[in-house]
Each structure stands twice: as structure tokens, then as C-alpha cells.
């Protein structure tokens, strides 16, 4: 069994690395939704990587069946999911540092909107299916609000006070 050096000079068996990659890939599959509001399919991911990562390869990766995944494929997946390649292979501390994931200015700004913090906290308590349903409902509500604006309605008269126009 091949081994790979880990932070701190420890050696991890290739099986542990393939399991870590599988676990993190499956976490992305469970928590990320496609533009259609549902979980990504392996076909969508393969197409989204320009075919660099094939459906059979994704299936093996998901099961932890690849002892040494090609870095070009890990990089393609990282680009597709908008994560660092080290997300798949590194420790959580390597990926996020001791303080956890970095919160960007856009997220900080979004949290100043009334009700946004509560929505985030509620979303963190949901399972992946519930989050996918809520994202689909969110997108549908935006479509309805845009239709009301075009018809002369006033969908901005909600509690949030957020009267931003859709682009």
C-alpha cells in the first residue's frame, strides 16, 4: 500500500487519502445545488469539467476506489465546485486555517440585511434535501417578484425593507 506524507511529517496510507477525497467529494454532492436547484449529477459535473473527469472516474472517486487520483482531475473538480484543490486532500486546518473558513466581505455585507442571519442559522440546521428545496423556492419567489414588478405590483413591501431591483 502506498503512503503519502502528511502535515507534521506523519505518513498516511493511500487508502486513508482516497477515503478523505471520497468523503469531501460526497460532501460537495450533498451540499451544492446546480442552477436547476437540485443536486449535481455526475453527468453535469463531468460536462462542467469539460470532460476532464469522466462519469466512471467520478463514480470511483465517490466510492473511494482511486488510490491516487490524478491532480489534473482534482484541479478540474476544485474549479467546478469553486474550492481549493487542497479541499480534497488537505486537513481542515490547511484548507481553512485554525479560525475556520474565511468569511468574505460579500457575506459580511449580506448578514447586515434584516433577517439574513436568521435565514443562515435556519439553513445550517437543514439537511441537503431541505436546502435544495429552499433554494428552488427562493428562485421561484424571485421569478414571481419580478413578474409582479413588471405587472405594477409592489413585492418590496415586505418586512425586510430590502428594495433592491433585480438585474
Protein backbone atom coordinates (compact mmCIF):
# COMPACT_ATOMS: atom_id res chain seq x y z
CA UNK A 1 0.00 0.00 0.00
CA UNK A 2 1.48 3.36 -0.97
CA UNK A 3 1.80 6.14 1.52
CA UNK A 4 1.86 9.93 1.39
CA UNK A 5 3.47 12.41 3.79
CA UNK A 6 1.04 14.49 5.81
CA UNK A 7 1.49 17.77 7.72
CA UNK A 8 3.74 17.31 10.73
CA UNK A 9 5.74 14.58 8.97
CA UNK A 10 3.15 11.86 9.57
CA UNK A 11 2.63 9.25 6.87
CA UNK A 12 -0.93 8.42 5.80
CA UNK A 13 -1.82 5.29 3.84
CA UNK A 14 -3.13 5.88 0.32
CA UNK A 15 -6.40 4.24 1.38
CA UNK A 16 -6.93 6.95 4.02
CA UNK A 17 -6.27 9.63 1.43
CA UNK A 18 -8.69 8.10 -1.08
CA UNK A 19 -11.32 7.89 1.67
CA UNK A 20 -10.75 11.55 2.62
CA UNK A 21 -11.15 12.59 -1.03
CA UNK A 22 -14.31 10.47 -1.33
CA UNK A 23 -15.75 11.93 1.87
CA UNK A 24 -15.11 15.51 0.77
CA UNK A 25 -16.38 14.89 -2.77
CA UNK A 26 -19.56 13.34 -1.36
CA UNK A 27 -19.95 16.33 0.99
CA UNK A 28 -19.93 18.62 -2.04
CA UNK A 29 -22.50 16.43 -3.76
CA UNK A 30 -24.72 16.64 -0.68
CA UNK A 31 -24.42 20.38 -0.10
CA UNK A 32 -24.06 22.03 -3.51
CA UNK A 33 -27.00 22.54 -5.80
CA UNK A 34 -26.97 23.04 -9.53
CA UNK A 35 -28.57 26.04 -11.23
CA UNK A 36 -31.71 23.90 -11.58
CA UNK A 37 -31.99 23.82 -7.76
CA UNK A 38 -31.14 20.13 -7.33
CA UNK A 39 -28.02 18.18 -6.51
CA UNK A 40 -25.48 17.92 -9.28
CA UNK A 41 -25.50 14.73 -11.28
CA UNK A 42 -22.24 13.02 -12.20
CA UNK A 43 -23.04 13.86 -15.84
CA UNK A 44 -23.36 17.58 -15.01
CA UNK A 45 -20.05 17.50 -13.17
CA UNK A 46 -18.31 15.66 -15.99
CA UNK A 47 -19.67 18.12 -18.54
CA UNK A 48 -18.81 21.04 -16.23
CA UNK A 49 -15.18 19.91 -16.15
CA UNK A 50 -15.11 19.83 -19.94
CA UNK A 51 -14.93 16.05 -19.85
CA UNK A 52 -11.63 16.10 -17.97
CA UNK A 53 -13.32 14.00 -15.29
CA UNK A 54 -15.47 11.19 -16.70
CA UNK A 55 -18.60 9.74 -15.12
CA UNK A 56 -16.93 6.38 -14.35
CA UNK A 57 -13.99 8.23 -12.76
CA UNK A 58 -16.39 10.29 -10.62
CA UNK A 59 -18.16 7.12 -9.55
CA UNK A 60 -14.89 5.52 -8.46
CA UNK A 61 -13.82 8.72 -6.72
CA UNK A 62 -17.12 8.86 -4.86
CA UNK A 63 -16.62 5.31 -3.57
CA UNK A 64 -13.02 5.90 -2.50
CA UNK A 65 -11.88 3.47 -5.17
CA UNK A 66 -9.00 5.55 -6.51
CA UNK A 67 -5.76 5.14 -4.58
CA UNK A 68 -4.03 8.03 -6.34
CA UNK A 69 -6.41 10.41 -8.15
CA UNK A 70 -4.76 12.46 -10.88
CA UNK A 71 -4.03 16.03 -9.80
CA UNK A 72 -5.42 17.39 -13.09
CA UNK A 73 -8.76 15.77 -12.26
CA UNK A 74 -8.73 17.07 -8.67
CA UNK A 75 -7.95 20.55 -10.01
CA UNK A 76 -10.82 20.32 -12.51
CA UNK A 77 -13.23 19.30 -9.71
CA UNK A 78 -11.93 22.08 -7.47
CA UNK A 79 -12.53 24.63 -10.23
CA UNK A 80 -16.02 23.24 -10.89
CA UNK A 81 -17.04 23.42 -7.20
CA UNK A 82 -15.09 26.66 -6.57
CA UNK A 83 -12.91 25.21 -3.81
CA UNK A 84 -9.14 24.93 -3.48
CA UNK A 85 -7.61 21.64 -4.65
CA UNK A 86 -6.37 21.17 -1.08
CA UNK A 87 -10.03 20.89 -0.01
CA UNK A 88 -9.95 17.31 -1.28
CA UNK A 89 -6.59 16.23 0.09
CA UNK A 90 -5.51 18.51 2.92
CA UNK A 91 -6.50 18.71 6.53
CA UNK A 92 -9.24 21.13 7.53
CA UNK A 93 -6.60 23.34 9.13
CA UNK A 94 -4.70 23.51 5.82
CA UNK A 95 -7.85 24.45 3.93
CA UNK A 96 -9.30 27.00 6.33
CA UNK A 97 -6.65 27.73 8.95
CA UNK A 98 -7.36 27.41 12.65
CA UNK A 99 -10.09 30.05 12.56
CA UNK A 100 -12.29 28.12 10.14
CA UNK A 101 -13.48 29.19 6.69
CA UNK A 102 -12.80 32.78 5.69
CA UNK A 103 -15.88 34.96 5.52
CA UNK A 104 -15.69 37.34 2.60
CA UNK A 105 -16.84 40.96 2.55
CA UNK A 106 -19.85 39.98 0.43
CA UNK A 107 -21.05 37.57 3.14
CA UNK A 108 -20.44 40.12 5.90
CA UNK A 109 -22.45 42.69 3.93
CA UNK A 110 -25.25 40.18 3.28
CA UNK A 111 -25.50 39.43 7.00
CA UNK A 112 -26.37 43.09 7.67
CA UNK A 113 -29.67 42.65 5.80
CA UNK A 114 -32.51 42.23 8.30
CA UNK A 115 -33.43 38.57 8.66
CA UNK A 116 -30.36 37.23 6.80
CA UNK A 117 -28.65 35.92 9.94
CA UNK A 118 -31.77 34.00 10.96
CA UNK A 119 -32.10 32.54 7.46
CA UNK A 120 -28.48 31.39 7.59
CA UNK A 121 -28.90 29.82 11.01
CA UNK A 122 -32.03 28.00 9.91
CA UNK A 123 -30.32 26.78 6.74
CA UNK A 124 -27.47 25.35 8.83
CA UNK A 125 -29.98 23.14 10.64
CA UNK A 126 -31.42 21.71 7.40
CA UNK A 127 -30.39 18.59 5.60
CA UNK A 128 -29.23 18.71 1.98
CA UNK A 129 -32.68 17.89 0.60
CA UNK A 130 -34.31 20.67 2.61
CA UNK A 131 -31.68 23.17 1.45
CA UNK A 132 -32.21 22.14 -2.18
CA UNK A 133 -35.97 22.64 -1.80
CA UNK A 134 -35.45 26.03 -0.16
CA UNK A 135 -33.09 27.14 -2.95
CA UNK A 136 -35.69 26.14 -5.54
CA UNK A 137 -38.39 28.03 -3.61
CA UNK A 138 -36.09 31.04 -3.31
CA UNK A 139 -35.51 31.12 -7.07
CA UNK A 140 -39.23 30.72 -7.76
CA UNK A 141 -40.06 33.58 -5.38
CA UNK A 142 -37.60 35.81 -7.25
CA UNK A 143 -39.34 34.97 -10.52
CA UNK A 144 -42.74 35.78 -9.02
CA UNK A 145 -41.45 39.07 -7.57
CA UNK A 146 -40.00 40.05 -10.96
CA UNK A 147 -43.36 39.26 -12.59
CA UNK A 148 -45.19 41.40 -10.03
CA UNK A 149 -42.84 44.32 -10.66
CA UNK A 150 -43.47 44.07 -14.40
CA UNK A 151 -47.22 43.99 -13.74
CA UNK A 152 -47.00 47.05 -11.49
CA UNK A 153 -47.22 45.22 -8.16
CA UNK A 154 -45.03 46.04 -5.18
CA UNK A 155 -43.24 42.92 -3.92
CA UNK A 156 -40.79 45.11 -1.93
CA UNK A 157 -43.36 45.92 0.74
CA UNK A 158 -42.11 43.01 2.86
CA UNK A 159 -40.66 43.14 6.37
CA UNK A 160 -37.06 43.09 5.15
CA UNK A 161 -37.16 46.61 3.80
CA UNK A 162 -34.80 45.47 1.05
CA UNK A 163 -35.99 47.31 -2.04
CA UNK A 164 -33.17 46.36 -4.41
CA UNK A 165 -34.16 45.89 -8.02
CA UNK A 166 -33.40 42.71 -9.92
CA UNK A 167 -30.78 43.00 -12.67
